[in-house]
Amino acid sequence: LALRPQLLILDEPVSALDVSVGAQVVNLLRD
């Protein structure tokens, strides 16, 4: 986010995380 891009390409960004932690990251992405 540092350069304030228009587009993020998210390649399996939560697949390496525990389910509950991944859910928090997904909600962060929505926010």
PDB file of all heavy atoms in Angstrom:
ATOM      1  N   LEU A   1       0.807  -1.223   0.000  1.00  0.00           N
ATOM      2  CA  LEU A   1       0.000   0.000   0.000  1.00  0.00           C
ATOM      3  C   LEU A   1       0.840   1.273   0.000  1.00  0.00           C
ATOM      4  O   LEU A   1       0.287   2.371  -0.188  1.00  0.00           O
ATOM      5  CB  LEU A   1      -0.914   0.021   1.229  1.00  0.00           C
ATOM      6  CG  LEU A   1      -2.050  -1.000   1.274  1.00  0.00           C
ATOM      7  CD1 LEU A   1      -2.758  -0.918   2.611  1.00  0.00           C
ATOM      8  CD2 LEU A   1      -3.022  -0.776   0.130  1.00  0.00           C
ATOM      9  N   ALA A   2       2.137   1.154   0.199  1.00  0.00           N
ATOM     10  CA  ALA A   2       2.984   2.334   0.391  1.00  0.00           C
ATOM     11  C   ALA A   2       2.860   3.343  -0.745  1.00  0.00           C
ATOM     12  O   ALA A   2       2.812   4.553  -0.517  1.00  0.00           O
ATOM     13  CB  ALA A   2       4.443   1.904   0.569  1.00  0.00           C
ATOM     14  N   LEU A   3       2.797   2.858  -1.981  1.00  0.00           N
ATOM     15  CA  LEU A   3       2.750   3.748  -3.143  1.00  0.00           C
ATOM     16  C   LEU A   3       1.332   4.125  -3.550  1.00  0.00           C
ATOM     17  O   LEU A   3       1.122   4.713  -4.601  1.00  0.00           O
ATOM     18  CB  LEU A   3       3.474   3.090  -4.321  1.00  0.00           C
ATOM     19  CG  LEU A   3       4.968   2.841  -4.105  1.00  0.00           C
ATOM     20  CD1 LEU A   3       5.547   2.026  -5.245  1.00  0.00           C
ATOM     21  CD2 LEU A   3       5.720   4.165  -3.951  1.00  0.00           C
ATOM     22  N   ARG A   4       0.354   3.751  -2.722  1.00  0.00           N
ATOM     23  CA  ARG A   4      -1.057   4.016  -3.001  1.00  0.00           C
ATOM     24  C   ARG A   4      -1.447   3.509  -4.397  1.00  0.00           C
ATOM     25  O   ARG A   4      -1.914   4.282  -5.250  1.00  0.00           O
ATOM     26  CB  ARG A   4      -1.355   5.512  -2.871  1.00  0.00           C
ATOM     27  CG  ARG A   4      -1.300   6.018  -1.434  1.00  0.00           C
ATOM     28  CD  ARG A   4      -2.475   5.410  -0.644  1.00  0.00           C
ATOM     29  NE  ARG A   4      -2.486   5.876   0.752  1.00  0.00           N
ATOM     30  CZ  ARG A   4      -2.041   5.170   1.791  1.00  0.00           C
ATOM     31  NH1 ARG A   4      -1.535   3.965   1.593  1.00  0.00           N
ATOM     32  NH2 ARG A   4      -2.092   5.639   3.019  1.00  0.00           N
ATOM     33  N   PRO A   5      -1.288   2.210  -4.635  1.00  0.00           N
ATOM     34  CA  PRO A   5      -1.619   1.659  -5.949  1.00  0.00           C
ATOM     35  C   PRO A   5      -3.129   1.626  -6.175  1.00  0.00           C
ATOM     36  O   PRO A   5      -3.919   1.715  -5.230  1.00  0.00           O
ATOM     37  CB  PRO A   5      -1.053   0.239  -5.873  1.00  0.00           C
ATOM     38  CG  PRO A   5      -1.151  -0.109  -4.426  1.00  0.00           C
ATOM     39  CD  PRO A   5      -0.853   1.171  -3.687  1.00  0.00           C
ATOM     40  N   GLN A   6      -3.513   1.471  -7.433  1.00  0.00           N
ATOM     41  CA  GLN A   6      -4.923   1.269  -7.754  1.00  0.00           C
ATOM     42  C   GLN A   6      -5.315  -0.200  -7.617  1.00  0.00           C
ATOM     43  O   GLN A   6      -6.458  -0.511  -7.321  1.00  0.00           O
ATOM     44  CB  GLN A   6      -5.201   1.713  -9.202  1.00  0.00           C
ATOM     45  CG  GLN A   6      -5.011   3.193  -9.460  1.00  0.00           C
ATOM     46  CD  GLN A   6      -5.325   3.543 -10.905  1.00  0.00           C
ATOM     47  OE1 GLN A   6      -6.202   2.959 -11.522  1.00  0.00           O
ATOM     48  NE2 GLN A   6      -4.594   4.504 -11.439  1.00  0.00           N
ATOM     49  N   LEU A   7      -4.344  -1.087  -7.860  1.00  0.00           N
ATOM     50  CA  LEU A   7      -4.628  -2.517  -7.957  1.00  0.00           C
ATOM     51  C   LEU A   7      -3.692  -3.320  -7.062  1.00  0.00           C
ATOM     52  O   LEU A   7      -2.475  -3.119  -7.095  1.00  0.00           O
ATOM     53  CB  LEU A   7      -4.452  -2.972  -9.414  1.00  0.00           C
ATOM     54  CG  LEU A   7      -4.475  -4.482  -9.698  1.00  0.00           C
ATOM     55  CD1 LEU A   7      -5.869  -5.063  -9.429  1.00  0.00           C
ATOM     56  CD2 LEU A   7      -4.053  -4.756 -11.134  1.00  0.00           C
ATOM     57  N   LEU A   8      -4.264  -4.238  -6.272  1.00  0.00           N
ATOM     58  CA  LEU A   8      -3.484  -5.235  -5.555  1.00  0.00           C
ATOM     59  C   LEU A   8      -3.768  -6.592  -6.175  1.00  0.00           C
ATOM     60  O   LEU A   8      -4.935  -6.966  -6.371  1.00  0.00           O
ATOM     61  CB  LEU A   8      -3.840  -5.279  -4.073  1.00  0.00           C
ATOM     62  CG  LEU A   8      -3.425  -4.112  -3.183  1.00  0.00           C
ATOM     63  CD1 LEU A   8      -3.666  -4.461  -1.715  1.00  0.00           C
ATOM     64  CD2 LEU A   8      -1.975  -3.715  -3.396  1.00  0.00           C
ATOM     65  N   ILE A   9      -2.705  -7.334  -6.487  1.00  0.00           N
ATOM     66  CA  ILE A   9      -2.834  -8.697  -6.968  1.00  0.00           C
ATOM     67  C   ILE A   9      -2.480  -9.609  -5.804  1.00  0.00           C
ATOM     68  O   ILE A   9      -1.329  -9.687  -5.377  1.00  0.00           O
ATOM     69  CB  ILE A   9      -1.943  -8.946  -8.194  1.00  0.00           C
ATOM     70  CG1 ILE A   9      -2.428  -8.063  -9.347  1.00  0.00           C
ATOM     71  CG2 ILE A   9      -1.961 -10.419  -8.588  1.00  0.00           C
ATOM     72  CD1 ILE A   9      -1.675  -8.238 -10.637  1.00  0.00           C
ATOM     73  N   LEU A  10      -3.493 -10.260  -5.265  1.00  0.00           N
ATOM     74  CA  LEU A  10      -3.389 -11.039  -4.034  1.00  0.00           C
ATOM     75  C   LEU A  10      -3.355 -12.522  -4.403  1.00  0.00           C
ATOM     76  O   LEU A  10      -4.381 -13.108  -4.745  1.00  0.00           O
ATOM     77  CB  LEU A  10      -4.574 -10.728  -3.129  1.00  0.00           C
ATOM     78  CG  LEU A  10      -4.736  -9.245  -2.764  1.00  0.00           C
ATOM     79  CD1 LEU A  10      -6.194  -8.884  -2.572  1.00  0.00           C
ATOM     80  CD2 LEU A  10      -3.930  -8.897  -1.534  1.00  0.00           C
ATOM     81  N   ASP A  11      -2.167 -13.108  -4.330  1.00  0.00           N
ATOM     82  CA  ASP A  11      -1.980 -14.494  -4.759  1.00  0.00           C
ATOM     83  C   ASP A  11      -2.010 -15.422  -3.551  1.00  0.00           C
ATOM     84  O   ASP A  11      -1.026 -15.558  -2.836  1.00  0.00           O
ATOM     85  CB  ASP A  11      -0.644 -14.631  -5.515  1.00  0.00           C
ATOM     86  CG  ASP A  11      -0.524 -15.973  -6.229  1.00  0.00           C
ATOM     87  OD1 ASP A  11      -1.405 -16.838  -6.053  1.00  0.00           O
ATOM     88  OD2 ASP A  11       0.466 -16.167  -6.957  1.00  0.00           O
ATOM     89  N   GLU A  12      -3.165 -16.024  -3.292  1.00  0.00           N
ATOM     90  CA  GLU A  12      -3.362 -16.925  -2.150  1.00  0.00           C
ATOM     91  C   GLU A  12      -2.872 -16.271  -0.848  1.00  0.00           C
ATOM     92  O   GLU A  12      -2.094 -16.860  -0.102  1.00  0.00           O
ATOM     93  CB  GLU A  12      -2.622 -18.247  -2.383  1.00  0.00           C
ATOM     94  CG  GLU A  12      -3.052 -19.015  -3.621  1.00  0.00           C
ATOM     95  CD  GLU A  12      -4.238 -19.936  -3.370  1.00  0.00           C
ATOM     96  OE1 GLU A  12      -4.855 -19.827  -2.302  1.00  0.00           O
ATOM     97  OE2 GLU A  12      -4.539 -20.750  -4.253  1.00  0.00           O
ATOM     98  N   PRO A  13      -3.310 -15.068  -0.526  1.00  0.00           N
ATOM     99  CA  PRO A  13      -2.705 -14.329   0.589  1.00  0.00           C
ATOM    100  C   PRO A  13      -2.980 -14.895   1.969  1.00  0.00           C
ATOM    101  O   PRO A  13      -2.323 -14.494   2.933  1.00  0.00           O
ATOM    102  CB  PRO A  13      -3.317 -12.931   0.445  1.00  0.00           C
ATOM    103  CG  PRO A  13      -4.643 -13.179  -0.192  1.00  0.00           C
ATOM    104  CD  PRO A  13      -4.406 -14.309  -1.149  1.00  0.00           C
ATOM    105  N   VAL A  14      -3.962 -15.810   2.107  1.00  0.00           N
ATOM    106  CA  VAL A  14      -4.266 -16.354   3.437  1.00  0.00           C
ATOM    107  C   VAL A  14      -4.112 -17.871   3.496  1.00  0.00           C
ATOM    108  O   VAL A  14      -4.374 -18.468   4.538  1.00  0.00           O
ATOM    109  CB  VAL A  14      -5.688 -15.954   3.889  1.00  0.00           C
ATOM    110  CG1 VAL A  14      -5.815 -14.436   3.982  1.00  0.00           C
ATOM    111  CG2 VAL A  14      -6.750 -16.514   2.967  1.00  0.00           C
ATOM    112  N   SER A  15      -3.681 -18.504   2.419  1.00  0.00           N
ATOM    113  CA  SER A  15      -3.634 -19.970   2.402  1.00  0.00           C
ATOM    114  C   SER A  15      -2.575 -20.534   3.340  1.00  0.00           C
ATOM    115  O   SER A  15      -2.684 -21.679   3.776  1.00  0.00           O
ATOM    116  CB  SER A  15      -3.397 -20.484   0.975  1.00  0.00           C
ATOM    117  OG  SER A  15      -2.137 -20.061   0.502  1.00  0.00           O
ATOM    118  N   ALA A  16      -1.544 -19.741   3.682  1.00  0.00           N
ATOM    119  CA  ALA A  16      -0.498 -20.213   4.580  1.00  0.00           C
ATOM    120  C   ALA A  16      -0.799 -19.883   6.043  1.00  0.00           C
ATOM    121  O   ALA A  16       0.010 -20.180   6.924  1.00  0.00           O
ATOM    122  CB  ALA A  16       0.856 -19.600   4.178  1.00  0.00           C
ATOM    123  N   LEU A  17      -1.973 -19.299   6.306  1.00  0.00           N
ATOM    124  CA  LEU A  17      -2.320 -18.864   7.655  1.00  0.00           C
ATOM    125  C   LEU A  17      -3.391 -19.763   8.265  1.00  0.00           C
ATOM    126  O   LEU A  17      -4.148 -20.423   7.560  1.00  0.00           O
ATOM    127  CB  LEU A  17      -2.843 -17.419   7.617  1.00  0.00           C
ATOM    128  CG  LEU A  17      -1.949 -16.370   6.944  1.00  0.00           C
ATOM    129  CD1 LEU A  17      -2.651 -15.023   6.938  1.00  0.00           C
ATOM    130  CD2 LEU A  17      -0.596 -16.280   7.631  1.00  0.00           C
ATOM    131  N   ASP A  18      -3.446 -19.774   9.593  1.00  0.00           N
ATOM    132  CA  ASP A  18      -4.548 -20.445  10.274  1.00  0.00           C
ATOM    133  C   ASP A  18      -5.875 -19.822   9.840  1.00  0.00           C
ATOM    134  O   ASP A  18      -5.936 -18.648   9.465  1.00  0.00           O
ATOM    135  CB  ASP A  18      -4.402 -20.305  11.795  1.00  0.00           C
ATOM    136  CG  ASP A  18      -3.210 -21.086  12.338  1.00  0.00           C
ATOM    137  OD1 ASP A  18      -2.747 -21.992  11.631  1.00  0.00           O
ATOM    138  OD2 ASP A  18      -2.760 -20.765  13.445  1.00  0.00           O
ATOM    139  N   VAL A  19      -6.946 -20.600   9.933  1.00  0.00           N
ATOM    140  CA  VAL A  19      -8.244 -20.148   9.437  1.00  0.00           C
ATOM    141  C   VAL A  19      -8.682 -18.848  10.109  1.00  0.00           C
ATOM    142  O   VAL A  19      -9.112 -17.902   9.441  1.00  0.00           O
ATOM    143  CB  VAL A  19      -9.301 -21.250   9.644  1.00  0.00           C
ATOM    144  CG1 VAL A  19     -10.698 -20.711   9.319  1.00  0.00           C
ATOM    145  CG2 VAL A  19      -8.997 -22.457   8.765  1.00  0.00           C
ATOM    146  N   SER A  20      -8.570 -18.765  11.427  1.00  0.00           N
ATOM    147  CA  SER A  20      -9.045 -17.569  12.130  1.00  0.00           C
ATOM    148  C   SER A  20      -8.186 -16.353  11.792  1.00  0.00           C
ATOM    149  O   SER A  20      -8.700 -15.243  11.616  1.00  0.00           O
ATOM    150  CB  SER A  20      -9.048 -17.802  13.642  1.00  0.00           C
ATOM    151  OG  SER A  20      -7.750 -18.102  14.107  1.00  0.00           O
ATOM    152  N   VAL A  21      -6.871 -16.556  11.675  1.00  0.00           N
ATOM    153  CA  VAL A  21      -5.968 -15.466  11.314  1.00  0.00           C
ATOM    154  C   VAL A  21      -6.229 -15.028   9.877  1.00  0.00           C
ATOM    155  O   VAL A  21      -6.271 -13.826   9.565  1.00  0.00           O
ATOM    156  CB  VAL A  21      -4.497 -15.891  11.496  1.00  0.00           C
ATOM    157  CG1 VAL A  21      -3.554 -14.796  11.000  1.00  0.00           C
ATOM    158  CG2 VAL A  21      -4.215 -16.212  12.950  1.00  0.00           C
ATOM    159  N   GLY A  22      -6.432 -15.999   9.001  1.00  0.00           N
ATOM    160  CA  GLY A  22      -6.746 -15.682   7.617  1.00  0.00           C
ATOM    161  C   GLY A  22      -8.029 -14.882   7.497  1.00  0.00           C
ATOM    162  O   GLY A  22      -8.134 -13.957   6.685  1.00  0.00           O
ATOM    163  N   ALA A  23      -9.018 -15.212   8.329  1.00  0.00           N
ATOM    164  CA  ALA A  23     -10.279 -14.479   8.311  1.00  0.00           C
ATOM    165  C   ALA A  23     -10.073 -13.022   8.710  1.00  0.00           C
ATOM    166  O   ALA A  23     -10.683 -12.110   8.125  1.00  0.00           O
ATOM    167  CB  ALA A  23     -11.273 -15.149   9.255  1.00  0.00           C
ATOM    168  N   GLN A  24      -9.207 -12.768   9.673  1.00  0.00           N
ATOM    169  CA  GLN A  24      -8.916 -11.399  10.087  1.00  0.00           C
ATOM    170  C   GLN A  24      -8.236 -10.624   8.961  1.00  0.00           C
ATOM    171  O   GLN A  24      -8.532  -9.440   8.736  1.00  0.00           O
ATOM    172  CB  GLN A  24      -8.036 -11.412  11.335  1.00  0.00           C
ATOM    173  CG  GLN A  24      -8.740 -11.943  12.566  1.00  0.00           C
ATOM    174  CD  GLN A  24      -7.797 -12.143  13.741  1.00  0.00           C
ATOM    175  OE1 GLN A  24      -6.652 -11.689  13.696  1.00  0.00           O
ATOM    176  NE2 GLN A  24      -8.262 -12.811  14.772  1.00  0.00           N
ATOM    177  N   VAL A  25      -7.328 -11.278   8.239  1.00  0.00           N
ATOM    178  CA  VAL A  25      -6.642 -10.620   7.119  1.00  0.00           C
ATOM    179  C   VAL A  25      -7.631 -10.308   5.997  1.00  0.00           C
ATOM    180  O   VAL A  25      -7.590  -9.228   5.390  1.00  0.00           O
ATOM    181  CB  VAL A  25      -5.482 -11.492   6.603  1.00  0.00           C
ATOM    182  CG1 VAL A  25      -4.901 -10.922   5.307  1.00  0.00           C
ATOM    183  CG2 VAL A  25      -4.386 -11.599   7.661  1.00  0.00           C
ATOM    184  N   VAL A  26      -8.560 -11.227   5.724  1.00  0.00           N
ATOM    185  CA  VAL A  26      -9.572 -10.986   4.697  1.00  0.00           C
ATOM    186  C   VAL A  26     -10.447  -9.798   5.069  1.00  0.00           C
ATOM    187  O   VAL A  26     -10.750  -8.929   4.233  1.00  0.00           O
ATOM    188  CB  VAL A  26     -10.429 -12.252   4.485  1.00  0.00           C
ATOM    189  CG1 VAL A  26     -11.675 -11.936   3.659  1.00  0.00           C
ATOM    190  CG2 VAL A  26      -9.608 -13.328   3.780  1.00  0.00           C
ATOM    191  N   ASN A  27     -10.847  -9.712   6.318  1.00  0.00           N
ATOM    192  CA  ASN A  27     -11.652  -8.559   6.758  1.00  0.00           C
ATOM    193  C   ASN A  27     -10.857  -7.263   6.672  1.00  0.00           C
ATOM    194  O   ASN A  27     -11.407  -6.204   6.345  1.00  0.00           O
ATOM    195  CB  ASN A  27     -12.151  -8.786   8.181  1.00  0.00           C
ATOM    196  CG  ASN A  27     -13.376  -9.681   8.218  1.00  0.00           C
ATOM    197  OD1 ASN A  27     -14.245  -9.596   7.361  1.00  0.00           O
ATOM    198  ND2 ASN A  27     -13.439 -10.551   9.204  1.00  0.00           N
ATOM    199  N   LEU A  28      -9.560  -7.333   6.971  1.00  0.00           N
ATOM    200  CA  LEU A  28      -8.694  -6.158   6.806  1.00  0.00           C
ATOM    201  C   LEU A  28      -8.682  -5.709   5.347  1.00  0.00           C
ATOM    202  O   LEU A  28      -8.782  -4.508   5.055  1.00  0.00           O
ATOM    203  CB  LEU A  28      -7.275  -6.492   7.272  1.00  0.00           C
ATOM    204  CG  LEU A  28      -6.204  -5.443   6.945  1.00  0.00           C
ATOM    205  CD1 LEU A  28      -6.479  -4.136   7.695  1.00  0.00           C
ATOM    206  CD2 LEU A  28      -4.810  -5.978   7.285  1.00  0.00           C
ATOM    207  N   LEU A  29      -8.570  -6.666   4.424  1.00  0.00           N
ATOM    208  CA  LEU A  29      -8.549  -6.325   3.000  1.00  0.00           C
ATOM    209  C   LEU A  29      -9.849  -5.637   2.587  1.00  0.00           C
ATOM    210  O   LEU A  29      -9.842  -4.691   1.789  1.00  0.00           O
ATOM    211  CB  LEU A  29      -8.318  -7.580   2.166  1.00  0.00           C
ATOM    212  CG  LEU A  29      -6.917  -8.191   2.261  1.00  0.00           C
ATOM    213  CD1 LEU A  29      -6.880  -9.562   1.595  1.00  0.00           C
ATOM    214  CD2 LEU A  29      -5.881  -7.266   1.620  1.00  0.00           C
ATOM    215  N   ARG A  30     -10.975  -6.093   3.120  1.00  0.00           N
ATOM    216  CA  ARG A  30     -12.258  -5.450   2.800  1.00  0.00           C
ATOM    217  C   ARG A  30     -12.289  -4.018   3.321  1.00  0.00           C
ATOM    218  O   ARG A  30     -12.751  -3.097   2.631  1.00  0.00           O
ATOM    219  CB  ARG A  30     -13.420  -6.240   3.405  1.00  0.00           C
ATOM    220  CG  ARG A  30     -13.641  -7.601   2.786  1.00  0.00           C
ATOM    221  CD  ARG A  30     -15.006  -8.151   3.119  1.00  0.00           C
ATOM    222  NE  ARG A  30     -16.041  -7.483   2.326  1.00  0.00           N
ATOM    223  CZ  ARG A  30     -17.310  -7.869   2.295  1.00  0.00           C
ATOM    224  NH1 ARG A  30     -17.719  -8.898   3.031  1.00  0.00           N
ATOM    225  NH2 ARG A  30     -18.188  -7.236   1.559  1.00  0.00           N
ATOM    226  N   ASP A  31     -11.787  -3.812   4.529  1.00  0.00           N
ATOM    227  CA  ASP A  31     -11.771  -2.467   5.101  1.00  0.00           C
ATOM    228  C   ASP A  31     -10.875  -1.534   4.285  1.00  0.00           C
ATOM    229  O   ASP A  31     -11.228  -0.378   4.024  1.00  0.00           O
ATOM    230  CB  ASP A  31     -11.279  -2.511   6.549  1.00  0.00           C
ATOM    231  CG  ASP A  31     -12.261  -3.194   7.483  1.00  0.00           C
ATOM    232  OD1 ASP A  31     -13.438  -3.350   7.098  1.00  0.00           O
ATOM    233  OD2 ASP A  31     -11.840  -3.602   8.582  1.00  0.00           O
TER     234      ASP A  31
END
